C-alpha atoms as a PDB file:
ATOM      1  CA  PRO A   1     -68.053   6.688 -28.442  1.00  0.00           C
ATOM      2  CA  ALA A   2     -66.058   5.580 -25.406  1.00  0.00           C
ATOM      3  CA  GLY A   3     -62.412   4.739 -25.940  1.00  0.00           C
ATOM      4  CA  VAL A   4     -58.868   6.061 -25.749  1.00  0.00           C
ATOM      5  CA  TYR A   5     -58.311   9.419 -27.419  1.00  0.00           C
ATOM      6  CA  PHE A   6     -55.734  12.193 -27.519  1.00  0.00           C
ATOM      7  CA  ARG A   7     -56.335  15.799 -26.526  1.00  0.00           C
ATOM      8  CA  LEU A   8     -54.813  18.636 -28.534  1.00  0.00           C
ATOM      9  CA  ALA A   9     -52.721  21.218 -26.656  1.00  0.00           C
ATOM     10  CA  LEU A  10     -51.081  24.207 -28.337  1.00  0.00           C
ATOM     11  CA  GLY A  11     -48.530  26.892 -27.540  1.00  0.00           C
ATOM     12  CA  GLY A  12     -46.242  25.376 -24.930  1.00  0.00           C
ATOM     13  CA  ILE A  13     -42.791  26.972 -24.737  1.00  0.00           C
ATOM     14  CA  THR A  14     -41.556  26.692 -21.157  1.00  0.00           C
ATOM     15  CA  GLY A  15     -38.284  28.439 -22.007  1.00  0.00           C
ATOM     16  CA  HIS A  16     -40.428  31.550 -22.455  1.00  0.00           C
ATOM     17  CA  GLY A  17     -42.489  30.844 -19.348  1.00  0.00           C
ATOM     18  CA  ASP A  18     -45.596  29.536 -21.087  1.00  0.00           C
ATOM     19  CA  PHE A  19     -47.436  26.197 -20.932  1.00  0.00           C
ATOM     20  CA  ALA A  20     -49.465  24.632 -23.717  1.00  0.00           C
ATOM     21  CA  ARG A  21     -53.213  25.258 -23.469  1.00  0.00           C
ATOM     22  CA  ASP A  22     -55.819  22.592 -23.981  1.00  0.00           C
ATOM     23  CA  ALA A  23     -57.555  23.376 -27.275  1.00  0.00           C
ATOM     24  CA  GLY A  24     -60.828  21.647 -26.381  1.00  0.00           C
ATOM     25  CA  VAL A  25     -60.261  19.129 -29.177  1.00  0.00           C
ATOM     26  CA  LEU A  26     -60.509  15.339 -28.981  1.00  0.00           C
ATOM     27  CA  LEU A  27     -58.508  13.253 -31.468  1.00  0.00           C
ATOM     28  CA  ARG A  28     -58.760   9.632 -32.459  1.00  0.00           C
ATOM     29  CA  PRO A  29     -55.339   7.969 -32.749  1.00  0.00           C
ATOM     30  CA  GLU A  30     -55.566   8.019 -36.550  1.00  0.00           C
ATOM     31  CA  ASP A  31     -56.314  11.781 -36.453  1.00  0.00           C
ATOM     32  CA  CYS A  32     -53.113  12.775 -34.676  1.00  0.00           C
ATOM     33  CA  ILE A  33     -50.695  12.936 -37.605  1.00  0.00           C
ATOM     34  CA  PRO A  34     -53.068  14.712 -40.053  1.00  0.00           C
ATOM     35  CA  VAL A  35     -53.994  17.302 -37.409  1.00  0.00           C
ATOM     36  CA  ALA A  36     -50.345  17.860 -36.435  1.00  0.00           C
ATOM     37  CA  VAL A  37     -49.474  18.367 -40.113  1.00  0.00           C
ATOM     38  CA  ALA A  38     -52.339  20.851 -40.468  1.00  0.00           C
ATOM     39  CA  VAL A  39     -51.153  22.832 -37.428  1.00  0.00           C
ATOM     40  CA  ILE A  40     -47.630  22.984 -38.842  1.00  0.00           C
ATOM     41  CA  ARG A  41     -48.946  24.053 -42.257  1.00  0.00           C
ATOM     42  CA  VAL A  42     -50.899  26.925 -40.697  1.00  0.00           C
ATOM     43  CA  PHE A  43     -47.805  28.059 -38.805  1.00  0.00           C
ATOM     44  CA  LEU A  44     -45.596  27.866 -41.898  1.00  0.00           C
ATOM     45  CA  GLU A  45     -48.060  29.950 -43.908  1.00  0.00           C
ATOM     46  CA  HIS A  46     -48.934  32.562 -41.297  1.00  0.00           C
ATOM     47  CA  GLY A  47     -46.247  32.550 -38.582  1.00  0.00           C
ATOM     48  CA  ASP A  48     -43.466  35.147 -38.448  1.00  0.00           C
ATOM     49  CA  ARG A  49     -40.447  33.212 -39.669  1.00  0.00           C
ATOM     50  CA  THR A  50     -38.365  36.328 -40.433  1.00  0.00           C
ATOM     51  CA  ASP A  51     -37.418  36.789 -36.761  1.00  0.00           C
ATOM     52  CA  ARG A  52     -35.632  33.817 -35.204  1.00  0.00           C
ATOM     53  CA  LYS A  53     -36.842  34.810 -31.743  1.00  0.00           C
ATOM     54  CA  LYS A  54     -40.473  34.973 -32.883  1.00  0.00           C
ATOM     55  CA  ALA A  55     -40.480  31.905 -35.156  1.00  0.00           C
ATOM     56  CA  ARG A  56     -42.673  29.899 -32.802  1.00  0.00           C
ATOM     57  CA  LEU A  57     -46.300  28.777 -32.934  1.00  0.00           C
ATOM     58  CA  LYS A  58     -46.851  30.469 -29.570  1.00  0.00           C
ATOM     59  CA  TYR A  59     -46.541  33.912 -31.132  1.00  0.00           C
ATOM     60  CA  LEU A  60     -49.073  33.152 -33.863  1.00  0.00           C
ATOM     61  CA  LEU A  61     -51.466  31.971 -31.131  1.00  0.00           C
ATOM     62  CA  ASP A  62     -50.824  35.178 -29.172  1.00  0.00           C
ATOM     63  CA  ARG A  63     -51.535  37.265 -32.289  1.00  0.00           C
ATOM     64  CA  TRP A  64     -54.577  35.387 -33.610  1.00  0.00           C
ATOM     65  CA  GLY A  65     -55.995  33.547 -30.610  1.00  0.00           C
ATOM     66  CA  HIS A  66     -56.672  29.821 -30.393  1.00  0.00           C
ATOM     67  CA  GLU A  67     -60.057  29.868 -32.125  1.00  0.00           C
ATOM     68  CA  ARG A  68     -58.783  31.507 -35.308  1.00  0.00           C
ATOM     69  CA  VAL A  69     -55.824  29.124 -35.449  1.00  0.00           C
ATOM     70  CA  LEU A  70     -58.163  26.140 -35.011  1.00  0.00           C
ATOM     71  CA  ALA A  71     -60.432  27.467 -37.758  1.00  0.00           C
ATOM     72  CA  GLU A  72     -57.459  27.625 -40.138  1.00  0.00           C
ATOM     73  CA  VAL A  73     -56.425  24.119 -39.074  1.00  0.00           C
ATOM     74  CA  GLU A  74     -59.929  22.829 -39.848  1.00  0.00           C
ATOM     75  CA  ALA A  75     -59.703  24.393 -43.318  1.00  0.00           C
ATOM     76  CA  CYS A  76     -56.744  22.085 -44.017  1.00  0.00           C
ATOM     77  CA  LEU A  77     -58.649  18.950 -42.974  1.00  0.00           C
ATOM     78  CA  PRO A  78     -61.376  16.900 -44.673  1.00  0.00           C
ATOM     79  CA  GLU A  79     -63.692  17.171 -41.644  1.00  0.00           C
ATOM     80  CA  ARG A  80     -64.254  19.437 -38.665  1.00  0.00           C
ATOM     81  CA  LEU A  81     -62.401  18.895 -35.423  1.00  0.00           C
ATOM     82  CA  ARG A  82     -64.241  17.023 -32.679  1.00  0.00           C
ATOM     83  CA  ARG A  83     -64.810  19.469 -29.799  1.00  0.00           C
ATOM     84  CA  LEU A  84     -65.104  18.236 -26.210  1.00  0.00           C
ATOM     85  CA  ALA A  85     -64.252  19.994 -22.962  1.00  0.00           C
ATOM     86  CA  ARG A  86     -61.508  18.437 -20.869  1.00  0.00           C
ATOM     87  CA  GLU A  87     -63.941  18.091 -17.969  1.00  0.00           C
ATOM     88  CA  ALA A  88     -65.976  15.589 -20.004  1.00  0.00           C
ATOM     89  CA  CYS A  89     -63.027  13.179 -20.108  1.00  0.00           C
ATOM     90  CA  GLU A  90     -62.031  10.811 -17.332  1.00  0.00           C
ATOM     91  CA  PRO A  91     -59.137  12.219 -15.288  1.00  0.00           C
ATOM     92  CA  ARG A  92     -55.707  10.777 -15.903  1.00  0.00           C
ATOM     93  CA  ARG A  93     -54.482   8.147 -13.493  1.00  0.00           C
ATOM     94  CA  PRO A  94     -51.715   9.234 -11.096  1.00  0.00           C
ATOM     95  CA  TRP A  95     -48.265   8.808 -12.581  1.00  0.00           C
ATOM     96  CA  GLY A  96     -44.897   8.206 -10.974  1.00  0.00           C
ATOM     97  CA  LYS A  97     -41.907  10.339 -11.881  1.00  0.00           C
ATOM     98  CA  LEU A  98     -39.744   7.232 -12.076  1.00  0.00           C
ATOM     99  CA  GLY A  99     -42.528   4.901 -13.171  1.00  0.00           C
ATOM    100  CA  HIS A 100     -40.759   3.607 -16.271  1.00  0.00           C
ATOM    101  CA  VAL A 101     -37.449   2.662 -14.598  1.00  0.00           C
ATOM    102  CA  GLY A 102     -36.927  -1.051 -13.935  1.00  0.00           C
ATOM    103  CA  PHE A 103     -39.046  -4.066 -14.889  1.00  0.00           C
ATOM    104  CA  HIS A 104     -42.839  -3.778 -15.071  1.00  0.00           C
ATOM    105  CA  PRO A 105     -45.570  -6.194 -16.207  1.00  0.00           C
ATOM    106  CA  GLN A 106     -47.309  -5.410 -19.482  1.00  0.00           C
ATOM    107  CA  ARG A 107     -51.003  -5.848 -20.157  1.00  0.00           C
ATOM    108  CA  GLN A 108     -50.132  -8.878 -22.233  1.00  0.00           C
ATOM    109  CA  PRO A 109     -49.882 -11.890 -19.878  1.00  0.00           C
ATOM    110  CA  GLY A 110     -46.363 -13.231 -19.408  1.00  0.00           C
ATOM    111  CA  LEU A 111     -44.603 -10.147 -20.811  1.00  0.00           C
ATOM    112  CA  SER A 112     -42.761  -7.252 -19.171  1.00  0.00           C
ATOM    113  CA  TYR A 113     -40.921  -4.115 -20.229  1.00  0.00           C
ATOM    114  CA  VAL A 114     -37.775  -2.617 -18.745  1.00  0.00           C
ATOM    115  CA  GLY A 115     -36.852   1.034 -18.345  1.00  0.00           C
ATOM    116  CA  VAL A 116     -33.094   1.203 -18.919  1.00  0.00           C
ATOM    117  CA  VAL A 117     -31.266   3.981 -17.077  1.00  0.00           C
ATOM    118  CA  LEU A 118     -28.719   5.788 -19.248  1.00  0.00           C
ATOM    119  CA  PRO A 119     -26.064   8.040 -17.665  1.00  0.00           C
ATOM    120  CA  VAL A 120     -27.649  11.458 -18.479  1.00  0.00           C
ATOM    121  CA  GLY A 121     -28.672  10.210 -21.903  1.00  0.00           C
ATOM    122  CA  ARG A 122     -25.248   9.116 -23.103  1.00  0.00           C
ATOM    123  CA  LEU A 123     -24.735   5.852 -24.967  1.00  0.00           C
ATOM    124  CA  ARG A 124     -21.686   4.406 -26.656  1.00  0.00           C
ATOM    125  CA  ALA A 125     -22.188   2.800 -30.049  1.00  0.00           C
ATOM    126  CA  GLU A 126     -21.486  -0.680 -28.699  1.00  0.00           C
ATOM    127  CA  GLN A 127     -24.050  -0.169 -25.930  1.00  0.00           C
ATOM    128  CA  LEU A 128     -26.719   0.873 -28.421  1.00  0.00           C
ATOM    129  CA  ARG A 129     -25.953  -2.145 -30.581  1.00  0.00           C
ATOM    130  CA  GLY A 130     -26.110  -4.325 -27.469  1.00  0.00           C
ATOM    131  CA  ILE A 131     -29.562  -2.968 -26.557  1.00  0.00           C
ATOM    132  CA  ALA A 132     -30.786  -3.605 -30.100  1.00  0.00           C
ATOM    133  CA  ALA A 133     -29.471  -7.174 -29.930  1.00  0.00           C
ATOM    134  CA  LEU A 134     -31.112  -7.690 -26.529  1.00  0.00           C
ATOM    135  CA  ALA A 135     -34.460  -6.398 -27.862  1.00  0.00           C
ATOM    136  CA  GLU A 136     -34.313  -8.701 -30.879  1.00  0.00           C
ATOM    137  CA  ARG A 137     -33.123 -11.768 -28.943  1.00  0.00           C
ATOM    138  CA  LEU A 138     -35.429 -11.525 -25.923  1.00  0.00           C
ATOM    139  CA  GLY A 139     -38.246  -9.190 -26.989  1.00  0.00           C
ATOM    140  CA  SER A 140     -40.016  -8.024 -30.120  1.00  0.00           C
ATOM    141  CA  GLY A 141     -37.175  -5.843 -31.349  1.00  0.00           C
ATOM    142  CA  THR A 142     -38.890  -2.706 -30.034  1.00  0.00           C
ATOM    143  CA  VAL A 143     -36.927   0.078 -28.309  1.00  0.00           C
ATOM    144  CA  ARG A 144     -38.624   3.295 -27.174  1.00  0.00           C
ATOM    145  CA  LEU A 145     -37.211   6.637 -26.036  1.00  0.00           C
ATOM    146  CA  THR A 146     -38.438   8.483 -22.925  1.00  0.00           C
ATOM    147  CA  VAL A 147     -38.471  12.156 -21.977  1.00  0.00           C
ATOM    148  CA  TRP A 148     -36.065  11.352 -19.127  1.00  0.00           C
ATOM    149  CA  GLN A 149     -33.279  10.455 -21.621  1.00  0.00           C
ATOM    150  CA  ASN A 150     -33.713   6.738 -20.925  1.00  0.00           C
ATOM    151  CA  LEU A 151     -34.873   3.765 -23.005  1.00  0.00           C
ATOM    152  CA  ILE A 152     -37.657   1.204 -22.774  1.00  0.00           C
ATOM    153  CA  VAL A 153     -37.294  -2.330 -24.132  1.00  0.00           C
ATOM    154  CA  SER A 154     -40.674  -4.048 -24.316  1.00  0.00           C
ATOM    155  CA  ASP A 155     -42.222  -7.490 -24.806  1.00  0.00           C
ATOM    156  CA  LEU A 156     -39.739  -9.399 -22.646  1.00  0.00           C
ATOM    157  CA  PRO A 157     -40.936 -12.857 -21.472  1.00  0.00           C
ATOM    158  CA  ASP A 158     -41.191 -12.959 -17.686  1.00  0.00           C
ATOM    159  CA  ASP A 159     -39.098 -16.134 -17.532  1.00  0.00           C
ATOM    160  CA  ARG A 160     -36.197 -14.307 -19.238  1.00  0.00           C
ATOM    161  CA  ILE A 161     -36.046 -11.226 -16.993  1.00  0.00           C
ATOM    162  CA  GLU A 162     -32.940 -12.427 -15.188  1.00  0.00           C
ATOM    163  CA  GLU A 163     -31.260 -12.959 -18.548  1.00  0.00           C
ATOM    164  CA  ALA A 164     -32.191  -9.409 -19.547  1.00  0.00           C
ATOM    165  CA  LYS A 165     -30.781  -8.022 -16.288  1.00  0.00           C
ATOM    166  CA  ALA A 166     -27.479  -9.809 -16.871  1.00  0.00           C
ATOM    167  CA  ALA A 167     -27.307  -8.549 -20.454  1.00  0.00           C
ATOM    168  CA  LEU A 168     -27.864  -4.941 -19.394  1.00  0.00           C
ATOM    169  CA  GLU A 169     -25.266  -5.174 -16.646  1.00  0.00           C
ATOM    170  CA  ALA A 170     -22.778  -6.644 -19.142  1.00  0.00           C
ATOM    171  CA  LEU A 171     -23.310  -3.519 -21.264  1.00  0.00           C
ATOM    172  CA  GLY A 172     -22.542  -1.291 -18.282  1.00  0.00           C
ATOM    173  CA  LEU A 173     -26.153  -0.108 -18.047  1.00  0.00           C
ATOM    174  CA  ALA A 174     -28.577  -0.085 -15.124  1.00  0.00           C
ATOM    175  CA  TRP A 175     -32.187  -1.250 -14.779  1.00  0.00           C
ATOM    176  CA  SER A 176     -32.735   0.481 -11.440  1.00  0.00           C
ATOM    177  CA  ALA A 177     -31.984   3.969 -10.155  1.00  0.00           C
ATOM    178  CA  THR A 178     -32.083   6.068  -7.011  1.00  0.00           C
ATOM    179  CA  SER A 179     -34.645   8.815  -6.555  1.00  0.00           C
ATOM    180  CA  ILE A 180     -31.949  11.269  -7.633  1.00  0.00           C
ATOM    181  CA  ARG A 181     -30.416   9.594 -10.672  1.00  0.00           C
ATOM    182  CA  GLY A 182     -33.713   8.333 -12.095  1.00  0.00           C
ATOM    183  CA  GLY A 183     -34.982  11.878 -12.673  1.00  0.00           C
ATOM    184  CA  LEU A 184     -31.674  13.472 -13.679  1.00  0.00           C
ATOM    185  CA  VAL A 185     -31.751  15.213 -17.077  1.00  0.00           C
ATOM    186  CA  ALA A 186     -29.009  17.206 -18.787  1.00  0.00           C
ATOM    187  CA  CYS A 187     -28.870  18.885 -22.191  1.00  0.00           C
ATOM    188  CA  THR A 188     -25.988  18.306 -24.611  1.00  0.00           C
ATOM    189  CA  GLY A 189     -23.847  20.844 -22.788  1.00  0.00           C
ATOM    190  CA  SER A 190     -20.715  22.653 -23.936  1.00  0.00           C
ATOM    191  CA  THR A 191     -19.084  19.466 -25.211  1.00  0.00           C
ATOM    192  CA  GLY A 192     -21.562  19.369 -28.102  1.00  0.00           C
ATOM    193  CA  CYS A 193     -23.412  22.693 -28.299  1.00  0.00           C
ATOM    194  CA  ARG A 194     -21.961  26.142 -28.958  1.00  0.00           C
ATOM    195  CA  TYR A 195     -24.779  27.864 -27.057  1.00  0.00           C
ATOM    196  CA  SER A 196     -24.127  26.081 -23.755  1.00  0.00           C
ATOM    197  CA  ALA A 197     -22.165  27.910 -21.067  1.00  0.00           C
ATOM    198  CA  THR A 198     -21.519  24.756 -19.013  1.00  0.00           C
ATOM    199  CA  ASP A 199     -20.581  21.079 -19.279  1.00  0.00           C
ATOM    200  CA  THR A 200     -24.019  20.004 -18.090  1.00  0.00           C
ATOM    201  CA  LYS A 201     -23.597  16.240 -18.412  1.00  0.00           C
ATOM    202  CA  ALA A 202     -20.340  16.115 -16.444  1.00  0.00           C
ATOM    203  CA  HIS A 203     -21.825  18.379 -13.776  1.00  0.00           C
ATOM    204  CA  ALA A 204     -24.996  16.254 -13.588  1.00  0.00           C
ATOM    205  CA  LEU A 205     -23.043  13.047 -12.982  1.00  0.00           C
ATOM    206  CA  ALA A 206     -20.864  14.718 -10.340  1.00  0.00           C
ATOM    207  CA  LEU A 207     -23.993  16.095  -8.666  1.00  0.00           C
ATOM    208  CA  ALA A 208     -25.647  12.665  -8.576  1.00  0.00           C
ATOM    209  CA  GLU A 209     -22.558  11.005  -7.103  1.00  0.00           C
ATOM    210  CA  HIS A 210     -22.291  13.662  -4.396  1.00  0.00           C
ATOM    211  CA  LEU A 211     -25.964  13.614  -3.391  1.00  0.00           C
ATOM    212  CA  GLU A 212     -26.303   9.815  -3.474  1.00  0.00           C
ATOM    213  CA  SER A 213     -23.331   9.461  -1.152  1.00  0.00           C
ATOM    214  CA  ARG A 214     -24.847  11.822   1.425  1.00  0.00           C
ATOM    215  CA  LEU A 215     -28.636  11.628   1.183  1.00  0.00           C
ATOM    216  CA  ALA A 216     -31.298   8.929   1.038  1.00  0.00           C
ATOM    217  CA  LEU A 217     -34.430  10.274  -0.651  1.00  0.00           C
ATOM    218  CA  ASP A 218     -37.584   8.172  -0.443  1.00  0.00           C
ATOM    219  CA  GLN A 219     -39.436  10.436  -2.886  1.00  0.00           C
ATOM    220  CA  PRO A 220     -38.413  10.835  -6.550  1.00  0.00           C
ATOM    221  CA  ILE A 221     -37.047  14.215  -7.558  1.00  0.00           C
ATOM    222  CA  ASN A 222     -36.366  15.689 -10.980  1.00  0.00           C
ATOM    223  CA  ILE A 223     -33.155  17.711 -11.422  1.00  0.00           C
ATOM    224  CA  HIS A 224     -32.677  19.241 -14.878  1.00  0.00           C
ATOM    225  CA  LEU A 225     -29.490  20.960 -16.054  1.00  0.00           C
ATOM    226  CA  THR A 226     -29.564  23.149 -19.156  1.00  0.00           C
ATOM    227  CA  GLY A 227     -26.636  25.109 -20.502  1.00  0.00           C
ATOM    228  CA  CYS A 228     -28.396  28.145 -21.950  1.00  0.00           C
ATOM    229  CA  PRO A 229     -31.750  29.986 -21.964  1.00  0.00           C
ATOM    230  CA  HIS A 230     -33.002  27.844 -24.878  1.00  0.00           C
ATOM    231  CA  SER A 231     -33.899  25.372 -22.102  1.00  0.00           C
ATOM    232  CA  CYS A 232     -33.450  22.126 -24.042  1.00  0.00           C
ATOM    233  CA  ALA A 233     -33.512  20.247 -20.719  1.00  0.00           C
ATOM    234  CA  GLN A 234     -36.620  22.195 -19.627  1.00  0.00           C
ATOM    235  CA  HIS A 235     -35.181  23.479 -16.367  1.00  0.00           C
ATOM    236  CA  HIS A 236     -38.293  25.604 -15.752  1.00  0.00           C
ATOM    237  CA  VAL A 237     -40.479  22.528 -15.084  1.00  0.00           C
ATOM    238  CA  ALA A 238     -38.098  20.540 -12.882  1.00  0.00           C
ATOM    239  CA  ASP A 239     -38.273  20.150  -9.110  1.00  0.00           C
ATOM    240  CA  ILE A 240     -34.809  21.700  -9.229  1.00  0.00           C
ATOM    241  CA  GLY A 241     -33.823  23.441 -12.458  1.00  0.00           C
ATOM    242  CA  LEU A 242     -30.273  24.576 -13.145  1.00  0.00           C
ATOM    243  CA  LEU A 243     -29.496  27.142 -15.856  1.00  0.00           C
ATOM    244  CA  GLY A 244     -25.860  27.321 -16.948  1.00  0.00           C
ATOM    245  CA  VAL A 245     -24.062  30.678 -16.954  1.00  0.00           C
ATOM    246  CA  GLY A 246     -20.523  32.003 -17.217  1.00  0.00           C
ATOM    247  CA  LEU A 247     -19.207  33.664 -14.063  1.00  0.00           C
ATOM    248  CA  GLU A 248     -16.192  35.796 -13.262  1.00  0.00           C
ATOM    249  CA  VAL A 249     -14.616  34.754  -9.969  1.00  0.00           C
ATOM    250  CA  LYS A 250     -11.446  36.561  -8.883  1.00  0.00           C
ATOM    251  CA  GLY A 251     -10.799  37.641 -12.434  1.00  0.00           C
ATOM    252  CA  GLU A 252     -11.222  34.135 -13.846  1.00  0.00           C
ATOM    253  CA  LEU A 253     -14.110  32.935 -16.016  1.00  0.00           C
ATOM    254  CA  VAL A 254     -15.743  29.843 -14.507  1.00  0.00           C
ATOM    255  CA  GLN A 255     -18.871  27.797 -15.157  1.00  0.00           C
ATOM    256  CA  GLY A 256     -21.876  28.232 -12.900  1.00  0.00           C
ATOM    257  CA  TYR A 257     -25.653  27.982 -12.555  1.00  0.00           C
ATOM    258  CA  HIS A 258     -28.782  29.844 -11.567  1.00  0.00           C
ATOM    259  CA  VAL A 259     -30.978  27.631  -9.346  1.00  0.00           C
ATOM    260  CA  LEU A 260     -34.743  27.389  -9.863  1.00  0.00           C
ATOM    261  CA  VAL A 261     -37.002  25.436  -7.517  1.00  0.00           C
ATOM    262  CA  GLY A 262     -40.564  24.122  -7.616  1.00  0.00           C
ATOM    263  CA  GLY A 263     -41.299  23.598 -11.304  1.00  0.00           C
ATOM    264  CA  GLY A 264     -43.509  20.779 -12.511  1.00  0.00           C
ATOM    265  CA  ALA A 265     -45.522  19.320 -15.377  1.00  0.00           C
ATOM    266  CA  GLY A 266     -48.829  17.493 -15.693  1.00  0.00           C
ATOM    267  CA  ALA A 267     -50.843  17.661 -12.485  1.00  0.00           C
ATOM    268  CA  GLU A 268     -47.931  19.554 -10.875  1.00  0.00           C
ATOM    269  CA  GLN A 269     -47.773  22.187 -13.623  1.00  0.00           C
ATOM    270  CA  ALA A 270     -45.740  25.159 -12.415  1.00  0.00           C
ATOM    271  CA  LEU A 271     -42.748  27.245 -13.418  1.00  0.00           C
ATOM    272  CA  GLY A 272     -39.764  27.055 -11.110  1.00  0.00           C
ATOM    273  CA  ARG A 273     -38.858  30.132  -9.105  1.00  0.00           C
ATOM    274  CA  GLU A 274     -35.302  31.401  -9.160  1.00  0.00           C
ATOM    275  CA  VAL A 275     -33.924  31.203  -5.623  1.00  0.00           C
ATOM    276  CA  VAL A 276     -30.165  31.554  -6.094  1.00  0.00           C
ATOM    277  CA  ARG A 277     -28.083  33.095  -8.885  1.00  0.00           C
ATOM    278  CA  ASP A 278     -24.509  32.677 -10.041  1.00  0.00           C
ATOM    279  CA  VAL A 279     -23.478  29.537  -8.165  1.00  0.00           C
ATOM    280  CA  PRO A 280     -20.056  28.257  -9.307  1.00  0.00           C
ATOM    281  CA  ALA A 281     -20.302  24.662 -10.525  1.00  0.00           C
ATOM    282  CA  THR A 282     -17.777  23.634  -7.868  1.00  0.00           C
ATOM    283  CA  GLU A 283     -20.195  24.798  -5.142  1.00  0.00           C
ATOM    284  CA  LEU A 284     -23.393  23.447  -6.673  1.00  0.00           C
ATOM    285  CA  SER A 285     -23.403  19.975  -5.092  1.00  0.00           C
ATOM    286  CA  ALA A 286     -22.985  21.318  -1.566  1.00  0.00           C
ATOM    287  CA  LEU A 287     -25.721  23.903  -2.104  1.00  0.00           C
ATOM    288  CA  LEU A 288     -28.247  21.339  -3.331  1.00  0.00           C
ATOM    289  CA  GLU A 289     -27.312  19.009  -0.480  1.00  0.00           C
ATOM    290  CA  ARG A 290     -28.249  21.775   1.980  1.00  0.00           C
ATOM    291  CA  LEU A 291     -31.510  22.398   0.150  1.00  0.00           C
ATOM    292  CA  LEU A 292     -32.487  18.726   0.144  1.00  0.00           C
ATOM    293  CA  ARG A 293     -31.471  18.265   3.785  1.00  0.00           C
ATOM    294  CA  GLY A 294     -33.748  21.173   4.601  1.00  0.00           C
ATOM    295  CA  TYR A 295     -36.542  19.386   2.761  1.00  0.00           C
ATOM    296  CA  LEU A 296     -35.938  16.116   4.637  1.00  0.00           C
ATOM    297  CA  ASP A 297     -35.819  17.901   7.998  1.00  0.00           C
ATOM    298  CA  ARG A 298     -38.884  20.108   7.508  1.00  0.00           C
ATOM    299  CA  ARG A 299     -41.259  18.187   5.253  1.00  0.00           C
ATOM    300  CA  ARG A 300     -44.648  16.909   6.315  1.00  0.00           C
ATOM    301  CA  GLU A 301     -45.331  13.185   6.385  1.00  0.00           C
ATOM    302  CA  GLY A 302     -45.155  11.765   2.862  1.00  0.00           C
ATOM    303  CA  GLU A 303     -44.703  15.225   1.332  1.00  0.00           C
ATOM    304  CA  THR A 304     -43.059  15.405  -2.080  1.00  0.00           C
ATOM    305  CA  PHE A 305     -40.358  17.946  -2.811  1.00  0.00           C
ATOM    306  CA  HIS A 306     -42.694  19.675  -5.268  1.00  0.00           C
ATOM    307  CA  ASP A 307     -45.381  20.162  -2.588  1.00  0.00           C
ATOM    308  CA  PHE A 308     -42.753  21.197  -0.049  1.00  0.00           C
ATOM    309  CA  ALA A 309     -41.419  23.853  -2.410  1.00  0.00           C
ATOM    310  CA  ALA A 310     -44.928  25.094  -3.242  1.00  0.00           C
ATOM    311  CA  ARG A 311     -45.715  25.946   0.395  1.00  0.00           C
ATOM    312  CA  HIS A 312     -42.467  27.871   0.914  1.00  0.00           C
ATOM    313  CA  THR A 313     -41.552  31.300  -0.396  1.00  0.00           C
ATOM    314  CA  ALA A 314     -38.517  31.843  -2.581  1.00  0.00           C
ATOM    315  CA  GLU A 315     -36.853  33.592   0.357  1.00  0.00           C
ATOM    316  CA  GLU A 316     -37.420  30.579   2.627  1.00  0.00           C
ATOM    317  CA  LEU A 317     -36.016  28.217   0.015  1.00  0.00           C
ATOM    318  CA  ARG A 318     -33.045  30.530  -0.505  1.00  0.00           C
ATOM    319  CA  ALA A 319     -32.331  30.407   3.220  1.00  0.00           C
ATOM    320  CA  LEU A 320     -32.193  26.588   3.074  1.00  0.00           C
ATOM    321  CA  CYS A 321     -29.523  26.836   0.378  1.00  0.00           C
ATOM    322  CA  ALA A 322     -27.269  29.103   2.442  1.00  0.00           C
ATOM    323  CA  PRO A 323     -24.296  27.716   4.401  1.00  0.00           C
ATOM    324  CA  VAL A 324     -25.298  27.287   8.036  1.00  0.00           C
ATOM    325  CA  ALA A 325     -22.106  28.871   9.297  1.00  0.00           C
ATOM    326  CA  ALA A 326     -22.625  31.982   7.192  1.00  0.00           C
ATOM    327  CA  GLY A 327     -25.878  32.925   8.901  1.00  0.00           C
ATOM    328  CA  VAL A 328     -27.065  34.837   5.844  1.00  0.00           C
ATOM    329  CA  SER A 329     -28.988  33.974   2.708  1.00  0.00           C
ATOM    330  CA  ALA A 330     -27.179  33.348  -0.558  1.00  0.00           C
ATOM    331  CA  SER A 331     -27.683  35.936  -3.261  1.00  0.00           C
END
């Protein structure tokens, strides 16, 4: 019957350069949790959990193939999975990279939700308590998390939006963002993770301040900083992905990044291409400013950064990153 369903996708692990594949399965909302549990049970019983590097569902799928995995999943369920090709479903509506930021009307008349911008996902305890109090006082008490490290507070009466804006500002939080800061994502970084080579959150904030003071982007852009190859911030699927590394400069160990360009998810699905390696963190802001200025100067009318990157080679993008005075590409 017609309605809203979920599609099952399996095997995504972008840190290893692989996207999830559509399994050809259609799920009713009430099916999602039982099917997810069945998938996990099959992995726990048959996946290789003796090798930390191979303890992923992806490797069981590579070894068995999707059909065998789905057959084992079905054996854990009371009924067979509903099969339907993706092409038989209506295409998804276009989505905006910053679509959740700010105030937006809900389907329910007279209500709105607000996407609250957090500084690279950081919240103080008093700010979190303040958001909870705001949600209970003005809304339905509901707070949602987003993949962009921000929050959504829903069910706000339209005649109390100004009150909500004032409450957020009093907490030191924003309800609007530039095209740069709205899509800025950073992993925990070296301040909270022993695997990270860099202080990703501090570098992300410094990068945003630098770029916002020098550029005006009219198209949203996603910049993701991750401190190690585990890719918790999913740098492979960002417009600009930054992978933290340790560098030796003049005999001193410093923090730096490899720069990947042109990644994307959803309709823009692509893995970013590495264009520059071993950039000291102190030089990163200037390098990305040159890259984005090159985009603004050379783009076609209305062209997104993702589309701009897709029609240029890695060598051409590398040339945009190089200092003009140097006359040579960065390496």
